[in-house]
């Protein structure tokens, strides 16, 4: 029986320092009873159970990380902005992860930090998480502003940088996508930070904002590129090294389909890698079909930068 005690005691001691406090305390109590109170006070069955259970419990605790849609905040210029980060269920800090920055449309603007997950890539994630094995960063634009205006473009980048640091994002596999107003923001950030993103997915976006938006937002009108061919060729020249897939509904009644057609033509003219998908009969809501394209995410995640961006 003493031999049994020595074996059990040795096994328990190996796990006392690594187990949770509650289980370690229980084990010590059992050992004391066993040693000083005799066989009557201890159940060998319980002791054996604890010995077998402890090795399983420790690694389970070590793998406990928050995943799914997570609340985060970023501070800039004295203000705090809420955003969301999607983290895959199999996330681990022991590797670098592809990371996607998603810019929503005008309808999801606000300050609750949640609405932007209900449209676009958030819907695609909820439909089938396995299709997007990446960290996805979803900042939220404030009302009456556009992603192309300060400080919202800076907020988007600050959220991306925060999530990249926290969740081990791979700067060589960082991607940018947006829809509608977010599509305009996607072109804008790609121009502002050339060479930062490994690939772009632009859905019903453009370069020159719609007339209704320019009329509603005077500050936006001051920043908008003029409606002339040079605006598109200049944008294409700045983004030329980044692969792009453009989507648009042929019957879009909010953002003219000519915005995407002109950017596609400008990119093709300079020999850039650009793909264009136009959906016949589809109006403004082309993002559901775009994010549901079977080849989209395999194409996106196949792209990477040759070197880390500066």
Protein backbone atom coordinates (compact mmCIF):
# COMPACT_ATOMS: atom_id res chain seq x y z
CA UNK A 1 0.00 0.00 0.00
CA UNK A 2 2.90 2.37 0.70
CA UNK A 3 4.09 1.74 -2.86
CA UNK A 4 0.64 2.78 -4.14
CA UNK A 5 0.83 5.95 -2.04
CA UNK A 6 4.27 6.84 -3.37
CA UNK A 7 3.12 6.40 -6.98
CA UNK A 8 -0.10 8.38 -6.44
CA UNK A 9 1.70 11.11 -4.50
CA UNK A 10 4.34 11.48 -7.22
CA UNK A 11 1.71 11.71 -9.96
CA UNK A 12 -0.29 14.30 -8.07
CA UNK A 13 2.74 16.45 -7.29
CA UNK A 14 3.57 16.72 -10.97
CA UNK A 15 0.26 18.44 -11.63
CA UNK A 16 -0.22 20.51 -8.50
CA UNK A 17 1.79 23.42 -9.85
CA UNK A 18 0.03 23.46 -13.23
CA UNK A 19 -3.59 22.73 -12.27
CA UNK A 20 -6.17 25.33 -11.29
CA UNK A 21 -6.18 26.51 -7.67
CA UNK A 22 -9.36 24.67 -6.75
CA UNK A 23 -8.17 21.32 -8.05
CA UNK A 24 -4.71 21.73 -6.52
CA UNK A 25 -6.23 22.45 -3.10
CA UNK A 26 -8.46 19.40 -3.36
CA UNK A 27 -5.53 17.20 -4.27
CA UNK A 28 -3.44 18.45 -1.34
CA UNK A 29 -6.30 17.77 1.06
CA UNK A 30 -6.66 14.24 -0.23
CA UNK A 31 -2.94 13.63 0.09
CA UNK A 32 -2.90 14.80 3.70
CA UNK A 33 -5.87 12.59 4.55
CA UNK A 34 -4.23 9.66 2.86
CA UNK A 35 -0.92 10.16 4.64
CA UNK A 36 -2.08 11.01 8.11
CA UNK A 37 -5.63 9.69 8.41
CA UNK A 38 -5.21 6.20 7.05
CA UNK A 39 -6.95 4.37 4.26
CA UNK A 40 -10.40 4.80 5.76
CA UNK A 41 -10.53 8.57 5.12
CA UNK A 42 -9.66 8.48 1.43
CA UNK A 43 -11.38 6.96 -1.55
CA UNK A 44 -8.78 5.43 -3.83
CA UNK A 45 -11.34 5.61 -6.61
CA UNK A 46 -11.59 9.40 -6.22
CA UNK A 47 -7.82 9.72 -6.01
CA UNK A 48 -7.36 7.73 -9.22
CA UNK A 49 -10.04 9.83 -10.92
CA UNK A 50 -8.22 13.05 -10.06
CA UNK A 51 -4.91 11.68 -11.33
CA UNK A 52 -6.50 10.76 -14.66
CA UNK A 53 -8.50 13.99 -14.95
CA UNK A 54 -5.80 16.56 -14.26
CA UNK A 55 -3.72 16.02 -17.41
CA UNK A 56 -6.85 16.69 -19.48
CA UNK A 57 -7.87 19.83 -17.62
CA UNK A 58 -4.62 21.72 -17.92
CA UNK A 59 -4.33 21.91 -21.72
CA UNK A 60 -8.05 22.71 -21.97
CA UNK A 61 -7.49 25.81 -19.85
CA UNK A 62 -4.38 26.78 -21.84
CA UNK A 63 -6.41 26.88 -25.09
CA UNK A 64 -9.14 29.13 -23.74
CA UNK A 65 -9.21 32.16 -26.11
CA UNK A 66 -12.11 34.45 -27.03
CA UNK A 67 -13.33 33.83 -30.58
CA UNK A 68 -16.26 34.89 -32.75
CA UNK A 69 -17.41 38.51 -32.99
CA UNK A 70 -15.60 40.55 -30.33
CA UNK A 71 -16.14 44.13 -29.13
CA UNK A 72 -13.16 46.45 -29.38
CA UNK A 73 -12.51 50.21 -29.20
CA UNK A 74 -9.95 52.58 -30.63
CA UNK A 75 -9.22 56.14 -29.45
CA UNK A 76 -8.22 58.98 -31.75
CA UNK A 77 -8.14 62.72 -31.24
CA UNK A 78 -9.83 62.47 -27.84
CA UNK A 79 -12.76 60.35 -29.08
CA UNK A 80 -13.45 56.63 -28.68
CA UNK A 81 -14.78 54.54 -31.54
CA UNK A 82 -16.29 51.08 -31.23
CA UNK A 83 -15.56 48.35 -33.73
CA UNK A 84 -15.87 44.59 -34.14
CA UNK A 85 -13.27 41.90 -34.78
CA UNK A 86 -14.14 38.40 -35.95
CA UNK A 87 -11.72 35.74 -34.67
CA UNK A 88 -11.92 32.17 -36.06
CA UNK A 89 -12.72 29.36 -33.61
CA UNK A 90 -9.35 27.69 -34.23
CA UNK A 91 -7.35 30.86 -33.58
CA UNK A 92 -4.03 30.40 -31.84
CA UNK A 93 -1.31 32.93 -30.95
CA UNK A 94 1.33 30.53 -32.22
CA UNK A 95 0.97 31.55 -35.88
CA UNK A 96 0.37 34.59 -38.09
CA UNK A 97 -3.17 35.01 -39.45
CA UNK A 98 -4.51 36.61 -42.63
CA UNK A 99 -6.46 39.74 -41.75
CA UNK A 100 -9.25 41.50 -43.64
CA UNK A 101 -10.35 45.11 -43.18
CA UNK A 102 -14.03 45.53 -44.10
CA UNK A 103 -15.66 48.94 -44.75
CA UNK A 104 -19.47 49.00 -44.58
CA UNK A 105 -21.92 51.18 -46.48
CA UNK A 106 -23.79 54.36 -45.55
CA UNK A 107 -26.74 52.50 -44.02
CA UNK A 108 -24.63 51.03 -41.21
CA UNK A 109 -23.13 54.29 -39.98
CA UNK A 110 -23.46 55.07 -36.28
CA UNK A 111 -21.68 54.64 -32.97
CA UNK A 112 -23.06 51.37 -31.55
CA UNK A 113 -20.18 49.33 -32.97
CA UNK A 114 -22.56 46.58 -34.13
CA UNK A 115 -24.62 47.50 -37.20
CA UNK A 116 -21.67 47.02 -39.54
CA UNK A 117 -21.64 43.28 -38.80
CA UNK A 118 -25.18 42.80 -40.15
CA UNK A 119 -24.41 43.48 -43.80
CA UNK A 120 -21.79 42.23 -46.22
CA UNK A 121 -18.90 40.19 -44.92
CA UNK A 122 -20.53 39.72 -41.49
CA UNK A 123 -23.44 37.96 -43.17
CA UNK A 124 -21.00 35.82 -45.18
CA UNK A 125 -19.18 34.81 -41.99
CA UNK A 126 -22.39 33.79 -40.24
CA UNK A 127 -23.45 31.81 -43.30
CA UNK A 128 -20.27 29.72 -43.41
CA UNK A 129 -17.35 30.60 -41.15
CA UNK A 130 -15.10 28.05 -42.79
CA UNK A 131 -14.97 30.14 -45.99
CA UNK A 132 -13.17 32.99 -44.23
CA UNK A 133 -10.30 31.57 -42.14
CA UNK A 134 -9.03 35.00 -41.18
CA UNK A 135 -9.22 37.82 -38.68
CA UNK A 136 -11.86 40.28 -39.95
CA UNK A 137 -11.80 43.89 -38.70
CA UNK A 138 -15.06 45.85 -38.97
CA UNK A 139 -14.81 49.51 -37.94
CA UNK A 140 -17.88 51.77 -37.99
CA UNK A 141 -18.14 55.13 -39.74
CA UNK A 142 -19.93 57.90 -37.83
CA UNK A 143 -23.17 59.36 -39.17
CA UNK A 144 -22.91 62.16 -41.74
CA UNK A 145 -19.35 61.17 -42.62
CA UNK A 146 -17.74 59.04 -45.34
CA UNK A 147 -14.79 56.68 -45.20
CA UNK A 148 -12.98 59.03 -47.56
CA UNK A 149 -13.16 61.85 -44.97
CA UNK A 150 -10.95 62.39 -41.93
CA UNK A 151 -10.87 61.11 -39.28
CA UNK A 152 -12.76 58.03 -40.50
CA UNK A 153 -10.00 56.82 -42.84
CA UNK A 154 -7.57 57.09 -39.91
CA UNK A 155 -9.99 55.25 -37.62
CA UNK A 156 -10.19 52.34 -40.07
CA UNK A 157 -6.40 52.02 -40.18
CA UNK A 158 -6.09 52.38 -36.39
CA UNK A 159 -8.61 49.55 -35.88
CA UNK A 160 -6.70 47.39 -38.36
CA UNK A 161 -3.40 48.04 -36.61
CA UNK A 162 -4.88 47.31 -33.18
CA UNK A 163 -6.38 44.00 -34.31
CA UNK A 164 -3.21 43.05 -36.19
CA UNK A 165 -1.18 43.46 -33.02
CA UNK A 166 -3.66 41.74 -30.69
CA UNK A 167 -4.53 38.79 -32.91
CA UNK A 168 -1.19 38.19 -34.65
CA UNK A 169 -2.28 39.44 -38.06
CA UNK A 170 0.07 38.84 -40.96
CA UNK A 171 1.07 42.17 -42.53
CA UNK A 172 1.99 40.35 -45.75
CA UNK A 173 -1.54 38.88 -45.94
CA UNK A 174 -3.63 41.95 -45.15
CA UNK A 175 -6.68 42.52 -47.35
CA UNK A 176 -9.16 45.36 -47.90
CA UNK A 177 -12.78 45.15 -48.96
CA UNK A 178 -15.82 47.39 -48.85
CA UNK A 179 -19.28 47.92 -50.29
CA UNK A 180 -21.04 51.03 -51.56
CA UNK A 181 -19.67 53.92 -49.45
CA UNK A 182 -17.16 51.35 -48.19
CA UNK A 183 -16.25 50.59 -51.80
CA UNK A 184 -15.30 54.23 -52.23
CA UNK A 185 -13.35 53.94 -48.98
CA UNK A 186 -11.56 50.86 -50.29
CA UNK A 187 -10.24 52.72 -53.33
CA UNK A 188 -9.38 55.69 -51.11
CA UNK A 189 -7.34 53.69 -48.57
CA UNK A 190 -5.64 51.67 -51.31
CA UNK A 191 -4.54 54.95 -52.92
CA UNK A 192 -3.51 56.49 -49.60
CA UNK A 193 -1.49 53.40 -48.57
CA UNK A 194 -0.15 51.89 -51.81
CA UNK A 195 1.56 48.56 -51.28
CA UNK A 196 -0.01 47.96 -47.87
CA UNK A 197 -2.73 45.52 -48.94
CA UNK A 198 -2.18 42.18 -50.65
CA UNK A 199 -5.50 42.40 -52.56
CA UNK A 200 -8.73 44.41 -52.78
CA UNK A 201 -12.38 43.46 -53.18
CA UNK A 202 -14.46 46.49 -54.23
CA UNK A 203 -18.25 46.12 -54.37
CA UNK A 204 -20.46 48.82 -55.99
CA UNK A 205 -17.89 51.49 -55.15
CA UNK A 206 -16.17 54.16 -57.20
CA UNK A 207 -14.01 57.26 -57.34
CA UNK A 208 -16.43 60.16 -57.92
CA UNK A 209 -19.34 60.00 -55.40
CA UNK A 210 -22.96 60.03 -56.63
CA UNK A 211 -24.57 63.42 -57.19
CA UNK A 212 -27.07 62.87 -54.36
CA UNK A 213 -24.26 62.27 -51.87
CA UNK A 214 -22.30 65.31 -53.00
CA UNK A 215 -25.42 67.44 -52.53
CA UNK A 216 -26.18 65.98 -49.08
CA UNK A 217 -22.62 66.27 -47.74
CA UNK A 218 -20.91 69.57 -48.69
CA UNK A 219 -17.64 68.55 -46.99
CA UNK A 220 -17.52 65.41 -49.09
CA UNK A 221 -17.92 67.52 -52.23
CA UNK A 222 -14.80 69.49 -51.29
CA UNK A 223 -12.69 66.30 -51.13
CA UNK A 224 -14.19 64.38 -54.06
CA UNK A 225 -12.08 63.90 -57.18
CA UNK A 226 -13.56 65.61 -60.26
CA UNK A 227 -15.71 63.58 -62.63
CA UNK A 228 -13.12 63.27 -65.39
CA UNK A 229 -10.99 60.46 -66.87
CA UNK A 230 -7.82 61.63 -65.11
CA UNK A 231 -9.33 60.89 -61.68
CA UNK A 232 -9.69 57.22 -62.63
CA UNK A 233 -6.34 56.89 -64.36
CA UNK A 234 -4.59 58.53 -61.40
CA UNK A 235 -6.29 56.17 -58.95
CA UNK A 236 -5.38 53.16 -61.07
CA UNK A 237 -1.75 54.28 -61.26
CA UNK A 238 -1.47 54.43 -57.47
CA UNK A 239 -3.13 51.03 -56.97
CA UNK A 240 -1.62 49.26 -59.98
CA UNK A 241 0.53 46.80 -58.01
CA UNK A 242 -2.40 45.50 -55.95
CA UNK A 243 -4.67 42.75 -57.36
CA UNK A 244 -8.32 43.84 -57.44
CA UNK A 245 -11.66 42.12 -57.95
CA UNK A 246 -14.49 44.57 -58.70
CA UNK A 247 -18.22 43.73 -58.41
CA UNK A 248 -21.25 45.80 -59.40
CA UNK A 249 -24.93 45.36 -60.19
CA UNK A 250 -25.76 46.35 -63.77
CA UNK A 251 -28.97 48.13 -62.69
CA UNK A 252 -27.52 49.90 -59.62
CA UNK A 253 -29.71 52.93 -58.89
CA UNK A 254 -27.51 54.35 -56.11
CA UNK A 255 -23.92 54.13 -57.38
CA UNK A 256 -23.72 54.20 -61.19
CA UNK A 257 -22.24 51.02 -62.64
CA UNK A 258 -20.05 53.26 -64.78
CA UNK A 259 -17.92 53.92 -61.68
CA UNK A 260 -16.73 50.33 -61.60
CA UNK A 261 -16.56 50.08 -65.38
CA UNK A 262 -14.29 53.11 -65.58
CA UNK A 263 -11.97 51.81 -62.83
CA UNK A 264 -11.81 48.39 -64.47
CA UNK A 265 -10.88 49.99 -67.80
CA UNK A 266 -8.26 52.22 -66.16
CA UNK A 267 -6.66 49.25 -64.38
CA UNK A 268 -6.67 47.14 -67.56
CA UNK A 269 -5.10 50.00 -69.50
CA UNK A 270 -1.96 49.92 -67.34
CA UNK A 271 -1.71 46.14 -67.19
CA UNK A 272 -2.77 45.71 -63.55
CA UNK A 273 -4.25 42.46 -62.25
CA UNK A 274 -7.97 43.25 -62.16
CA UNK A 275 -11.11 41.12 -62.35
CA UNK A 276 -14.58 42.47 -62.97
CA UNK A 277 -17.95 40.83 -62.31
CA UNK A 278 -21.15 42.63 -63.30
CA UNK A 279 -24.51 41.14 -62.30
CA UNK A 280 -27.27 41.62 -64.91
CA UNK A 281 -30.57 42.77 -63.44
CA UNK A 282 -29.08 43.44 -59.99
CA UNK A 283 -29.52 46.85 -58.45
CA UNK A 284 -27.51 48.27 -55.55
CA UNK A 285 -27.41 45.25 -53.23
CA UNK A 286 -24.80 43.28 -55.14
CA UNK A 287 -22.69 42.41 -52.08
CA UNK A 288 -24.59 39.26 -51.11
CA UNK A 289 -23.88 37.72 -54.50
CA UNK A 290 -20.30 38.99 -54.48
CA UNK A 291 -19.33 37.57 -51.08
CA UNK A 292 -21.08 34.32 -52.02
CA UNK A 293 -18.88 33.80 -55.09
CA UNK A 294 -17.20 30.39 -54.64
CA UNK A 295 -13.90 31.56 -56.10
CA UNK A 296 -13.66 34.89 -54.28
CA UNK A 297 -12.07 33.99 -50.95
CA UNK A 298 -9.72 31.32 -52.36
CA UNK A 299 -8.53 33.98 -54.82
CA UNK A 300 -8.22 36.61 -52.08
CA UNK A 301 -6.26 34.45 -49.65
CA UNK A 302 -3.92 33.25 -52.41
CA UNK A 303 -2.45 36.77 -52.58
CA UNK A 304 0.41 37.95 -50.40
CA UNK A 305 2.99 40.71 -50.44
CA UNK A 306 6.56 39.77 -51.39
CA UNK A 307 7.89 41.82 -48.47
CA UNK A 308 6.46 43.38 -45.33
CA UNK A 309 4.96 46.84 -45.99
CA UNK A 310 6.89 49.79 -44.55
